[in-house]
C-alpha atoms as a PDB file:
ATOM      1  CA  MET A   1       7.314  25.048 -20.666  1.00  0.00           C
ATOM      2  CA  ASP A   2       5.686  25.109 -24.121  1.00  0.00           C
ATOM      3  CA  ASN A   3       6.266  21.378 -24.526  1.00  0.00           C
ATOM      4  CA  TYR A   4       4.769  20.764 -21.089  1.00  0.00           C
ATOM      5  CA  MET A   5       1.653  22.796 -21.905  1.00  0.00           C
ATOM      6  CA  GLN A   6       1.289  21.004 -25.239  1.00  0.00           C
ATOM      7  CA  ARG A   7       1.527  17.589 -23.553  1.00  0.00           C
ATOM      8  CA  ASN A   8      -0.912  18.719 -20.862  1.00  0.00           C
ATOM      9  CA  GLY A   9      -3.366  19.810 -23.534  1.00  0.00           C
ATOM     10  CA  GLU A  10      -3.059  16.482 -25.323  1.00  0.00           C
ATOM     11  CA  ILE A  11      -3.737  14.550 -22.108  1.00  0.00           C
ATOM     12  CA  TRP A  12      -7.002  16.419 -21.501  1.00  0.00           C
ATOM     13  CA  ALA A  13      -8.041  16.684 -25.148  1.00  0.00           C
ATOM     14  CA  PHE A  14     -10.861  14.195 -24.618  1.00  0.00           C
ATOM     15  CA  GLU A  15     -12.709  16.852 -22.618  1.00  0.00           C
ATOM     16  CA  ASN A  16     -13.478  18.667 -25.855  1.00  0.00           C
ATOM     17  CA  ALA A  17     -16.069  15.989 -26.691  1.00  0.00           C
ATOM     18  CA  SER A  18     -19.615  17.244 -27.222  1.00  0.00           C
ATOM     19  CA  LYS A  19     -21.714  17.886 -24.120  1.00  0.00           C
ATOM     20  CA  GLN A  20     -24.398  15.529 -25.439  1.00  0.00           C
ATOM     21  CA  GLU A  21     -21.941  12.617 -25.518  1.00  0.00           C
ATOM     22  CA  LEU A  22     -20.767  13.490 -22.010  1.00  0.00           C
ATOM     23  CA  ARG A  23     -24.304  13.608 -20.536  1.00  0.00           C
ATOM     24  CA  VAL A  24     -25.106  10.152 -21.872  1.00  0.00           C
ATOM     25  CA  ALA A  25     -21.933   8.700 -20.335  1.00  0.00           C
ATOM     26  CA  LEU A  26     -22.532  10.374 -16.988  1.00  0.00           C
ATOM     27  CA  ALA A  27     -26.098   9.149 -16.889  1.00  0.00           C
ATOM     28  CA  ASN A  28     -24.772   5.626 -17.031  1.00  0.00           C
ATOM     29  CA  ASP A  29     -21.893   6.040 -14.638  1.00  0.00           C
ATOM     30  CA  HIS A  30     -22.820   8.632 -11.961  1.00  0.00           C
ATOM     31  CA  CYS A  31     -23.020   7.862  -8.285  1.00  0.00           C
ATOM     32  CA  GLU A  32     -25.840   9.119  -6.126  1.00  0.00           C
ATOM     33  CA  ASN A  33     -26.390   9.215  -2.397  1.00  0.00           C
ATOM     34  CA  GLY A  34     -29.536   9.333  -0.344  1.00  0.00           C
ATOM     35  CA  ASP A  35     -29.674  13.132  -0.483  1.00  0.00           C
ATOM     36  CA  GLY A  36     -29.988  13.078  -4.259  1.00  0.00           C
ATOM     37  CA  TYR A  37     -26.466  14.432  -4.753  1.00  0.00           C
ATOM     38  CA  ASP A  38     -24.588  13.004  -7.672  1.00  0.00           C
ATOM     39  CA  GLY A  39     -21.082  13.349  -9.012  1.00  0.00           C
ATOM     40  CA  VAL A  40     -17.810  11.551  -9.554  1.00  0.00           C
ATOM     41  CA  VAL A  41     -15.254  10.686  -6.877  1.00  0.00           C
ATOM     42  CA  LEU A  42     -11.738   9.528  -7.688  1.00  0.00           C
ATOM     43  CA  GLY A  43      -9.338   7.442  -5.622  1.00  0.00           C
ATOM     44  CA  LEU A  44      -5.771   6.636  -6.504  1.00  0.00           C
ATOM     45  CA  ASP A  45      -3.137   4.518  -4.844  1.00  0.00           C
ATOM     46  CA  GLY A  46       0.176   6.148  -5.711  1.00  0.00           C
ATOM     47  CA  GLY A  47       3.903   5.711  -5.211  1.00  0.00           C
ATOM     48  CA  THR A  48       6.209   7.969  -3.232  1.00  0.00           C
ATOM     49  CA  THR A  49       5.831  11.760  -3.144  1.00  0.00           C
ATOM     50  CA  SER A  50       8.891  12.096  -5.362  1.00  0.00           C
ATOM     51  CA  THR A  51       7.346  10.129  -8.217  1.00  0.00           C
ATOM     52  CA  VAL A  52       3.585  10.508  -7.887  1.00  0.00           C
ATOM     53  CA  CYS A  53       3.229  13.827  -9.699  1.00  0.00           C
ATOM     54  CA  GLY A  54       4.996  12.500 -12.776  1.00  0.00           C
ATOM     55  CA  TYR A  55       2.501   9.700 -13.427  1.00  0.00           C
ATOM     56  CA  ILE A  56      -0.872  10.401 -11.850  1.00  0.00           C
ATOM     57  CA  ARG A  57      -1.911  13.228 -14.167  1.00  0.00           C
ATOM     58  CA  ARG A  58      -2.054  10.871 -17.142  1.00  0.00           C
ATOM     59  CA  CYS A  59      -3.744   8.191 -15.026  1.00  0.00           C
ATOM     60  CA  LEU A  60      -6.469  10.622 -13.930  1.00  0.00           C
ATOM     61  CA  ALA A  61      -7.125  11.650 -17.513  1.00  0.00           C
ATOM     62  CA  GLU A  62      -7.330   8.048 -18.679  1.00  0.00           C
ATOM     63  CA  VAL A  63      -9.800   7.059 -15.938  1.00  0.00           C
ATOM     64  CA  LEU A  64     -12.099  10.016 -16.641  1.00  0.00           C
ATOM     65  CA  SER A  65     -11.922   9.471 -20.381  1.00  0.00           C
ATOM     66  CA  LYS A  66     -12.830   5.796 -20.169  1.00  0.00           C
ATOM     67  CA  SER A  67     -15.740   6.525 -17.822  1.00  0.00           C
ATOM     68  CA  GLY A  68     -17.117   9.164 -20.189  1.00  0.00           C
ATOM     69  CA  SER A  69     -16.622  11.884 -17.603  1.00  0.00           C
ATOM     70  CA  ASN A  70     -14.406  14.927 -17.210  1.00  0.00           C
ATOM     71  CA  ARG A  71     -12.921  17.127 -14.483  1.00  0.00           C
ATOM     72  CA  SER A  72     -15.990  19.346 -14.177  1.00  0.00           C
ATOM     73  CA  ALA A  73     -18.033  16.322 -13.006  1.00  0.00           C
ATOM     74  CA  VAL A  74     -15.543  15.404 -10.255  1.00  0.00           C
ATOM     75  CA  ARG A  75     -16.641  16.225  -6.715  1.00  0.00           C
ATOM     76  CA  ALA A  76     -13.789  14.760  -4.670  1.00  0.00           C
ATOM     77  CA  VAL A  77     -10.358  13.174  -5.143  1.00  0.00           C
ATOM     78  CA  CYS A  78      -8.314  11.201  -2.624  1.00  0.00           C
ATOM     79  CA  LEU A  79      -4.737  10.136  -3.236  1.00  0.00           C
ATOM     80  CA  GLY A  80      -3.091   7.475  -1.096  1.00  0.00           C
ATOM     81  CA  ILE A  81       0.640   8.078  -1.354  1.00  0.00           C
ATOM     82  CA  SER A  82       3.585   6.368   0.276  1.00  0.00           C
ATOM     83  CA  GLY A  83       5.679   8.677   2.427  1.00  0.00           C
ATOM     84  CA  VAL A  84       2.958  11.246   3.166  1.00  0.00           C
ATOM     85  CA  ASN A  85       3.188  11.443   6.956  1.00  0.00           C
ATOM     86  CA  HIS A  86       3.350  15.167   7.587  1.00  0.00           C
ATOM     87  CA  PRO A  87       1.172  18.199   6.725  1.00  0.00           C
ATOM     88  CA  THR A  88       3.977  19.642   4.585  1.00  0.00           C
ATOM     89  CA  ASP A  89       3.999  16.462   2.483  1.00  0.00           C
ATOM     90  CA  GLN A  90       0.240  16.686   2.063  1.00  0.00           C
ATOM     91  CA  GLU A  91       0.344  20.342   1.107  1.00  0.00           C
ATOM     92  CA  ARG A  92       2.967  19.659  -1.542  1.00  0.00           C
ATOM     93  CA  VAL A  93       0.689  17.200  -3.326  1.00  0.00           C
ATOM     94  CA  LEU A  94      -2.431  19.278  -2.730  1.00  0.00           C
ATOM     95  CA  SER A  95      -0.770  22.265  -4.390  1.00  0.00           C
ATOM     96  CA  TRP A  96      -0.109  20.131  -7.448  1.00  0.00           C
ATOM     97  CA  LEU A  97      -3.666  18.786  -7.507  1.00  0.00           C
ATOM     98  CA  ARG A  98      -5.156  22.302  -7.302  1.00  0.00           C
ATOM     99  CA  LYS A  99      -3.500  23.090 -10.635  1.00  0.00           C
ATOM    100  CA  ILE A 100      -5.334  20.180 -12.265  1.00  0.00           C
ATOM    101  CA  PHE A 101      -8.891  20.332 -10.917  1.00  0.00           C
ATOM    102  CA  PRO A 102     -11.501  23.084 -10.799  1.00  0.00           C
ATOM    103  CA  SER A 103     -11.831  24.956  -7.511  1.00  0.00           C
ATOM    104  CA  HIS A 104     -15.079  23.182  -6.523  1.00  0.00           C
ATOM    105  CA  VAL A 105     -13.347  19.801  -6.299  1.00  0.00           C
ATOM    106  CA  LYS A 106     -12.537  18.642  -2.751  1.00  0.00           C
ATOM    107  CA  LEU A 107      -9.019  17.264  -2.561  1.00  0.00           C
ATOM    108  CA  TYR A 108      -7.628  14.861   0.050  1.00  0.00           C
ATOM    109  CA  VAL A 109      -4.174  13.359   0.447  1.00  0.00           C
ATOM    110  CA  GLN A 110      -3.461  10.432   2.738  1.00  0.00           C
ATOM    111  CA  ASN A 111      -0.670   7.943   3.318  1.00  0.00           C
ATOM    112  CA  ASP A 112      -1.165   4.808   1.209  1.00  0.00           C
ATOM    113  CA  ALA A 113      -1.557   2.787   4.434  1.00  0.00           C
ATOM    114  CA  VAL A 114      -4.762   4.702   5.201  1.00  0.00           C
ATOM    115  CA  ALA A 115      -6.160   3.818   1.772  1.00  0.00           C
ATOM    116  CA  ALA A 116      -5.114   0.205   2.298  1.00  0.00           C
ATOM    117  CA  LEU A 117      -6.974   0.078   5.611  1.00  0.00           C
ATOM    118  CA  ALA A 118     -10.063   1.540   3.961  1.00  0.00           C
ATOM    119  CA  SER A 119      -9.915  -1.095   1.224  1.00  0.00           C
ATOM    120  CA  GLY A 120     -10.435  -3.771   3.863  1.00  0.00           C
ATOM    121  CA  THR A 121     -13.025  -1.954   5.980  1.00  0.00           C
ATOM    122  CA  MET A 122     -14.968  -0.468   3.015  1.00  0.00           C
ATOM    123  CA  GLY A 123     -14.083   3.057   3.979  1.00  0.00           C
ATOM    124  CA  LYS A 124     -14.433   2.897   7.763  1.00  0.00           C
ATOM    125  CA  LEU A 125     -11.281   4.097   9.456  1.00  0.00           C
ATOM    126  CA  HIS A 126     -10.936   1.839  12.450  1.00  0.00           C
ATOM    127  CA  GLY A 127      -8.549  -1.009  13.204  1.00  0.00           C
ATOM    128  CA  CYS A 128      -5.116  -1.867  11.931  1.00  0.00           C
ATOM    129  CA  VAL A 129      -3.576  -2.536   8.545  1.00  0.00           C
ATOM    130  CA  LEU A 130      -0.384  -4.490   7.920  1.00  0.00           C
ATOM    131  CA  ILE A 131       1.291  -3.931   4.577  1.00  0.00           C
ATOM    132  CA  ALA A 132       4.133  -6.260   3.651  1.00  0.00           C
ATOM    133  CA  GLY A 133       5.337  -6.052   0.098  1.00  0.00           C
ATOM    134  CA  THR A 134       8.663  -4.650  -1.030  1.00  0.00           C
ATOM    135  CA  GLY A 135       8.542  -2.613   2.169  1.00  0.00           C
ATOM    136  CA  CYS A 136       6.362  -3.022   5.241  1.00  0.00           C
ATOM    137  CA  ILE A 137       4.394  -0.863   7.643  1.00  0.00           C
ATOM    138  CA  SER A 138       1.672  -1.123  10.282  1.00  0.00           C
ATOM    139  CA  TYR A 139      -0.891   1.606  10.703  1.00  0.00           C
ATOM    140  CA  GLY A 140      -3.879   1.871  12.983  1.00  0.00           C
ATOM    141  CA  ILE A 141      -6.611   4.278  13.918  1.00  0.00           C
ATOM    142  CA  ALA A 142      -8.878   4.252  16.959  1.00  0.00           C
ATOM    143  CA  GLU A 143     -12.563   5.148  17.139  1.00  0.00           C
ATOM    144  CA  ASP A 144     -11.626   8.569  18.512  1.00  0.00           C
ATOM    145  CA  GLY A 145      -9.346   9.313  15.560  1.00  0.00           C
ATOM    146  CA  ARG A 146      -5.982   8.705  17.246  1.00  0.00           C
ATOM    147  CA  GLU A 147      -3.416   7.238  14.860  1.00  0.00           C
ATOM    148  CA  ALA A 148      -0.250   5.172  15.294  1.00  0.00           C
ATOM    149  CA  TRP A 149       2.438   3.804  13.027  1.00  0.00           C
ATOM    150  CA  ALA A 150       5.131   1.184  13.386  1.00  0.00           C
ATOM    151  CA  SER A 151       7.894   0.092  11.033  1.00  0.00           C
ATOM    152  CA  GLY A 152       7.781   1.616   7.555  1.00  0.00           C
ATOM    153  CA  VAL A 153      11.230   3.178   7.920  1.00  0.00           C
ATOM    154  CA  GLY A 154      12.985   1.355   5.078  1.00  0.00           C
ATOM    155  CA  PRO A 155      15.498  -1.504   5.099  1.00  0.00           C
ATOM    156  CA  ILE A 156      18.426   0.500   6.406  1.00  0.00           C
ATOM    157  CA  LEU A 157      16.539   1.208   9.636  1.00  0.00           C
ATOM    158  CA  GLY A 158      15.187  -2.278  10.021  1.00  0.00           C
ATOM    159  CA  ASP A 159      12.061  -3.238   8.081  1.00  0.00           C
ATOM    160  CA  TRP A 160      13.087  -6.884   8.328  1.00  0.00           C
ATOM    161  CA  GLY A 161       9.611  -8.232   7.722  1.00  0.00           C
ATOM    162  CA  SER A 162       9.482  -6.670   4.255  1.00  0.00           C
ATOM    163  CA  GLY A 163      10.131  -8.440   0.976  1.00  0.00           C
ATOM    164  CA  TYR A 164      13.398  -6.561   0.731  1.00  0.00           C
ATOM    165  CA  GLY A 165      14.386  -7.603   4.254  1.00  0.00           C
ATOM    166  CA  ILE A 166      13.614 -11.272   3.587  1.00  0.00           C
ATOM    167  CA  ALA A 167      15.475 -11.362   0.276  1.00  0.00           C
ATOM    168  CA  ALA A 168      18.465  -9.400   1.586  1.00  0.00           C
ATOM    169  CA  GLN A 169      18.885 -11.888   4.411  1.00  0.00           C
ATOM    170  CA  ALA A 170      18.715 -14.712   1.896  1.00  0.00           C
ATOM    171  CA  LEU A 171      21.472 -13.145  -0.216  1.00  0.00           C
ATOM    172  CA  THR A 172      23.531 -12.678   2.940  1.00  0.00           C
ATOM    173  CA  ALA A 173      23.010 -16.328   3.808  1.00  0.00           C
ATOM    174  CA  VAL A 174      24.324 -17.375   0.391  1.00  0.00           C
ATOM    175  CA  ILE A 175      27.503 -15.355   0.889  1.00  0.00           C
ATOM    176  CA  ARG A 176      27.973 -16.607   4.461  1.00  0.00           C
ATOM    177  CA  ALA A 177      27.599 -20.211   3.337  1.00  0.00           C
ATOM    178  CA  HIS A 178      30.095 -19.630   0.534  1.00  0.00           C
ATOM    179  CA  ASP A 179      32.852 -18.117   2.690  1.00  0.00           C
ATOM    180  CA  GLY A 180      32.344 -20.463   5.640  1.00  0.00           C
ATOM    181  CA  ARG A 181      30.657 -18.124   8.121  1.00  0.00           C
ATOM    182  CA  GLY A 182      27.284 -19.788   7.863  1.00  0.00           C
ATOM    183  CA  PRO A 183      25.650 -23.163   7.222  1.00  0.00           C
ATOM    184  CA  GLN A 184      25.122 -24.563   3.754  1.00  0.00           C
ATOM    185  CA  THR A 185      21.713 -23.786   2.363  1.00  0.00           C
ATOM    186  CA  MET A 186      19.470 -24.683  -0.534  1.00  0.00           C
ATOM    187  CA  LEU A 187      19.145 -20.939  -1.097  1.00  0.00           C
ATOM    188  CA  THR A 188      22.507 -20.950  -2.864  1.00  0.00           C
ATOM    189  CA  ASP A 189      21.470 -23.092  -5.815  1.00  0.00           C
ATOM    190  CA  LYS A 190      17.971 -21.678  -5.956  1.00  0.00           C
ATOM    191  CA  ILE A 191      19.057 -18.046  -6.043  1.00  0.00           C
ATOM    192  CA  LEU A 192      21.941 -18.630  -8.438  1.00  0.00           C
ATOM    193  CA  LYS A 193      19.519 -20.307 -10.838  1.00  0.00           C
ATOM    194  CA  ALA A 194      16.948 -17.528 -10.476  1.00  0.00           C
ATOM    195  CA  LEU A 195      19.597 -14.885 -11.242  1.00  0.00           C
ATOM    196  CA  ASP A 196      21.323 -16.924 -13.959  1.00  0.00           C
ATOM    197  CA  LEU A 197      24.626 -16.781 -12.072  1.00  0.00           C
ATOM    198  CA  SER A 198      27.250 -19.527 -11.923  1.00  0.00           C
ATOM    199  CA  SER A 199      28.950 -18.771  -8.585  1.00  0.00           C
ATOM    200  CA  PRO A 200      28.123 -17.178  -5.219  1.00  0.00           C
ATOM    201  CA  ASP A 201      30.953 -14.736  -5.892  1.00  0.00           C
ATOM    202  CA  GLU A 202      28.804 -13.262  -8.679  1.00  0.00           C
ATOM    203  CA  VAL A 203      26.008 -12.521  -6.192  1.00  0.00           C
ATOM    204  CA  ILE A 204      28.094  -9.643  -4.830  1.00  0.00           C
ATOM    205  CA  GLY A 205      28.379  -7.939  -8.202  1.00  0.00           C
ATOM    206  CA  TRP A 206      24.712  -8.577  -8.997  1.00  0.00           C
ATOM    207  CA  THR A 207      23.588  -7.068  -5.705  1.00  0.00           C
ATOM    208  CA  TYR A 208      25.603  -3.865  -5.886  1.00  0.00           C
ATOM    209  CA  ALA A 209      24.992  -3.311  -9.592  1.00  0.00           C
ATOM    210  CA  ASP A 210      21.499  -2.119  -8.697  1.00  0.00           C
ATOM    211  CA  THR A 211      20.383  -1.959  -5.070  1.00  0.00           C
ATOM    212  CA  SER A 212      16.776  -0.971  -5.794  1.00  0.00           C
ATOM    213  CA  TRP A 213      14.460  -2.449  -3.202  1.00  0.00           C
ATOM    214  CA  ALA A 214      11.983  -4.020  -5.610  1.00  0.00           C
ATOM    215  CA  ARG A 215      14.721  -5.809  -7.591  1.00  0.00           C
ATOM    216  CA  ILE A 216      16.001  -7.559  -4.478  1.00  0.00           C
ATOM    217  CA  ALA A 217      12.533  -8.161  -2.991  1.00  0.00           C
ATOM    218  CA  ALA A 218      11.624 -10.121  -6.137  1.00  0.00           C
ATOM    219  CA  LEU A 219      13.652 -13.024  -4.691  1.00  0.00           C
ATOM    220  CA  VAL A 220      11.131 -13.696  -1.887  1.00  0.00           C
ATOM    221  CA  PRO A 221       9.480 -16.611  -3.795  1.00  0.00           C
ATOM    222  CA  GLU A 222      12.848 -18.398  -3.863  1.00  0.00           C
ATOM    223  CA  VAL A 223      13.091 -18.095  -0.072  1.00  0.00           C
ATOM    224  CA  VAL A 224       9.561 -19.449   0.380  1.00  0.00           C
ATOM    225  CA  PHE A 225      10.301 -22.335  -1.984  1.00  0.00           C
ATOM    226  CA  CYS A 226      13.378 -23.326   0.029  1.00  0.00           C
ATOM    227  CA  ALA A 227      11.512 -23.017   3.330  1.00  0.00           C
ATOM    228  CA  GLU A 228       8.755 -25.258   1.994  1.00  0.00           C
ATOM    229  CA  ALA A 229      11.490 -27.754   1.062  1.00  0.00           C
ATOM    230  CA  SER A 230      12.573 -27.757   4.740  1.00  0.00           C
ATOM    231  CA  ASP A 231      15.710 -25.665   4.326  1.00  0.00           C
ATOM    232  CA  GLN A 232      16.463 -24.492   7.876  1.00  0.00           C
ATOM    233  CA  VAL A 233      18.187 -21.269   6.853  1.00  0.00           C
ATOM    234  CA  ALA A 234      15.259 -20.154   4.727  1.00  0.00           C
ATOM    235  CA  ASN A 235      12.850 -21.255   7.419  1.00  0.00           C
ATOM    236  CA  LYS A 236      14.595 -19.108  10.045  1.00  0.00           C
ATOM    237  CA  ILE A 237      14.498 -16.088   7.729  1.00  0.00           C
ATOM    238  CA  LEU A 238      10.738 -16.390   7.295  1.00  0.00           C
ATOM    239  CA  LEU A 239      10.149 -17.011  11.000  1.00  0.00           C
ATOM    240  CA  LYS A 240      12.066 -13.826  11.798  1.00  0.00           C
ATOM    241  CA  ALA A 241       9.958 -11.934   9.262  1.00  0.00           C
ATOM    242  CA  VAL A 242       6.767 -13.264  10.866  1.00  0.00           C
ATOM    243  CA  GLN A 243       7.910 -12.114  14.297  1.00  0.00           C
ATOM    244  CA  GLU A 244       8.877  -8.663  13.046  1.00  0.00           C
ATOM    245  CA  LEU A 245       5.561  -8.148  11.256  1.00  0.00           C
ATOM    246  CA  ALA A 246       3.536  -9.326  14.254  1.00  0.00           C
ATOM    247  CA  LEU A 247       5.533  -7.042  16.560  1.00  0.00           C
ATOM    248  CA  SER A 248       4.789  -4.024  14.363  1.00  0.00           C
ATOM    249  CA  VAL A 249       1.057  -4.733  14.632  1.00  0.00           C
ATOM    250  CA  LYS A 250       1.377  -5.315  18.390  1.00  0.00           C
ATOM    251  CA  ALA A 251       3.049  -1.936  18.831  1.00  0.00           C
ATOM    252  CA  VAL A 252       0.241  -0.124  17.008  1.00  0.00           C
ATOM    253  CA  VAL A 253      -2.542  -1.984  18.803  1.00  0.00           C
ATOM    254  CA  GLN A 254      -1.050  -1.323  22.241  1.00  0.00           C
ATOM    255  CA  ARG A 255      -0.510   2.374  21.595  1.00  0.00           C
ATOM    256  CA  LEU A 256      -4.109   2.819  20.470  1.00  0.00           C
ATOM    257  CA  GLY A 257      -5.728   0.370  22.891  1.00  0.00           C
ATOM    258  CA  LEU A 258      -7.583  -1.289  20.014  1.00  0.00           C
ATOM    259  CA  SER A 259      -8.028  -4.521  21.980  1.00  0.00           C
ATOM    260  CA  GLY A 260      -9.819  -2.829  24.886  1.00  0.00           C
ATOM    261  CA  GLU A 261      -8.954  -2.736  28.550  1.00  0.00           C
ATOM    262  CA  ASP A 262      -9.022  -6.522  28.923  1.00  0.00           C
ATOM    263  CA  GLY A 263      -6.992  -7.140  25.769  1.00  0.00           C
ATOM    264  CA  ASN A 264      -9.736  -9.286  24.233  1.00  0.00           C
ATOM    265  CA  GLY A 265     -11.597  -6.624  22.250  1.00  0.00           C
ATOM    266  CA  SER A 266     -12.444  -7.291  18.614  1.00  0.00           C
ATOM    267  CA  PHE A 267     -10.798  -5.310  15.830  1.00  0.00           C
ATOM    268  CA  PRO A 268      -9.816  -5.904  12.177  1.00  0.00           C
ATOM    269  CA  VAL A 269      -6.269  -6.425  10.918  1.00  0.00           C
ATOM    270  CA  VAL A 270      -6.293  -5.725   7.184  1.00  0.00           C
ATOM    271  CA  MET A 271      -3.615  -7.796   5.418  1.00  0.00           C
ATOM    272  CA  VAL A 272      -2.104  -6.263   2.287  1.00  0.00           C
ATOM    273  CA  GLY A 273       0.954  -7.091   0.176  1.00  0.00           C
ATOM    274  CA  GLY A 274       2.637  -9.908  -1.680  1.00  0.00           C
ATOM    275  CA  VAL A 275       4.591 -11.191   1.328  1.00  0.00           C
ATOM    276  CA  LEU A 276       1.299 -11.932   3.095  1.00  0.00           C
ATOM    277  CA  GLU A 277      -0.304 -13.805   0.219  1.00  0.00           C
ATOM    278  CA  ALA A 278      -1.004 -17.484   0.749  1.00  0.00           C
ATOM    279  CA  ASN A 279       1.599 -20.033  -0.378  1.00  0.00           C
ATOM    280  CA  LYS A 280       1.366 -23.811  -0.661  1.00  0.00           C
ATOM    281  CA  SER A 281       2.559 -24.699   2.815  1.00  0.00           C
ATOM    282  CA  TRP A 282       4.688 -21.829   4.188  1.00  0.00           C
ATOM    283  CA  ASP A 283       2.044 -19.107   4.515  1.00  0.00           C
ATOM    284  CA  VAL A 284       3.639 -15.968   5.981  1.00  0.00           C
ATOM    285  CA  GLY A 285       0.319 -14.175   6.386  1.00  0.00           C
ATOM    286  CA  LYS A 286      -1.275 -17.091   8.221  1.00  0.00           C
ATOM    287  CA  GLU A 287       1.683 -17.347  10.614  1.00  0.00           C
ATOM    288  CA  VAL A 288       1.583 -13.596  11.276  1.00  0.00           C
ATOM    289  CA  VAL A 289      -2.107 -13.831  12.184  1.00  0.00           C
ATOM    290  CA  LYS A 290      -1.354 -16.662  14.608  1.00  0.00           C
ATOM    291  CA  CYS A 291       1.268 -14.538  16.343  1.00  0.00           C
ATOM    292  CA  ILE A 292      -1.027 -11.491  16.507  1.00  0.00           C
ATOM    293  CA  GLN A 293      -3.847 -13.553  17.988  1.00  0.00           C
ATOM    294  CA  GLU A 294      -1.534 -14.850  20.698  1.00  0.00           C
ATOM    295  CA  PHE A 295      -1.267 -11.214  21.835  1.00  0.00           C
ATOM    296  CA  PHE A 296      -4.835 -10.187  20.984  1.00  0.00           C
ATOM    297  CA  PRO A 297      -7.427 -13.000  20.723  1.00  0.00           C
ATOM    298  CA  GLY A 298     -10.035 -10.596  19.377  1.00  0.00           C
ATOM    299  CA  ALA A 299      -7.991  -9.598  16.337  1.00  0.00           C
ATOM    300  CA  TYR A 300      -9.453 -10.919  13.112  1.00  0.00           C
ATOM    301  CA  PRO A 301      -7.758 -10.836   9.691  1.00  0.00           C
ATOM    302  CA  VAL A 302      -9.356  -9.149   6.704  1.00  0.00           C
ATOM    303  CA  ARG A 303      -8.245  -9.789   3.157  1.00  0.00           C
ATOM    304  CA  PRO A 304      -9.436  -6.833   1.046  1.00  0.00           C
ATOM    305  CA  GLN A 305     -11.781  -7.675  -1.795  1.00  0.00           C
ATOM    306  CA  VAL A 306     -10.972  -4.384  -3.547  1.00  0.00           C
ATOM    307  CA  GLU A 307      -7.764  -2.593  -4.463  1.00  0.00           C
ATOM    308  CA  PRO A 308      -6.298   0.189  -2.261  1.00  0.00           C
ATOM    309  CA  ALA A 309      -7.299   2.644  -5.027  1.00  0.00           C
ATOM    310  CA  VAL A 310     -10.933   1.729  -4.313  1.00  0.00           C
ATOM    311  CA  GLY A 311     -10.201   2.309  -0.637  1.00  0.00           C
ATOM    312  CA  ALA A 312      -8.988   5.796  -1.552  1.00  0.00           C
ATOM    313  CA  ALA A 313     -12.197   6.414  -3.524  1.00  0.00           C
ATOM    314  CA  LEU A 314     -14.252   5.306  -0.517  1.00  0.00           C
ATOM    315  CA  LEU A 315     -12.298   7.774   1.628  1.00  0.00           C
ATOM    316  CA  ALA A 316     -12.907  10.553  -0.884  1.00  0.00           C
ATOM    317  CA  CYS A 317     -16.633   9.864  -0.730  1.00  0.00           C
ATOM    318  CA  ASN A 318     -16.736   9.627   3.060  1.00  0.00           C
ATOM    319  CA  PHE A 319     -14.662  12.775   3.612  1.00  0.00           C
ATOM    320  CA  PHE A 320     -16.747  14.663   1.080  1.00  0.00           C
ATOM    321  CA  MET A 321     -20.096  13.596   2.551  1.00  0.00           C
ATOM    322  CA  LYS A 322     -18.879  14.472   6.045  1.00  0.00           C
ATOM    323  CA  GLU A 323     -18.022  17.982   4.863  1.00  0.00           C
ATOM    324  CA  LEU A 324     -21.425  18.347   3.199  1.00  0.00           C
ATOM    325  CA  LYS A 325     -23.209  17.357   6.415  1.00  0.00           C
ATOM    326  CA  GLU A 326     -21.085  19.666   8.551  1.00  0.00           C
ATOM    327  CA  ASN A 327     -21.696  22.595   6.185  1.00  0.00           C
ATOM    328  CA  LYS A 328     -25.408  21.824   6.104  1.00  0.00           C
ATOM    329  CA  HIS A 329     -25.681  22.039   9.884  1.00  0.00           C
ATOM    330  CA  SER A 330     -23.382  25.001  10.349  1.00  0.00           C
END
């Protein structure tokens, strides 16, 4: 406990700077709204609930230190965290945050998909977001506040449109080609070279030596390369991923009625994650949009111009201002 307190003190040591130095920094960096209210809002895009508390404390301190601010100037904080889907998850993180910030600071915890949506809509919570990186998930929110989710359950339960899902199928294809259960594929040579292996037999040992999702998902570029070179096995893997991702968006849109009664209503689909980034010729994101628009002609893709952490900051500001207005009129 003593070591923890010592480390905690070291992290926040910058707050002992003179008040004069702090005022000058805040004068240059504060935000102000139309009501003349100023202060600092923080937004963070975090990992899972099991890892977030171990890293974000230092990150918060670093951000405040570099901006010339400190915790007393903070008005609101919003964390976007993977895996936060239930009030008990939120309360767990909120309890941790309350130990860090003064009591006047408003604290908000959301799933990282909510922050990702806000990064594409500049804080407005309406529409759908599709995240496809190591994992994948679709999230949407209607004008009346109703929410819906699809996918996002991990590879064991079928997130086949994710980077992990794509790469795992590619590894499976290599093994199937090697033992005669599947067609020969360019993926064999490409993946062996990428992993510095000499035989498909070694793929088995490499895979089970460390089954972390990100390690396997890192092979997605090899699959895209082979698909662009007209390898049919790789092409089928990507086509399946496109269909799965589009279906997850379709499920969310239908449950929320985002496309309107006639199915032609306009709404944004925010596209986030490495799997959806443009490639030379085999563009997964572009193909997903085509599939979505076959279902919903009014859907339009949005590529965020800011990071999800900025989306979380926008949420912090919006939530905070909403509370101020409600309290003012109560």
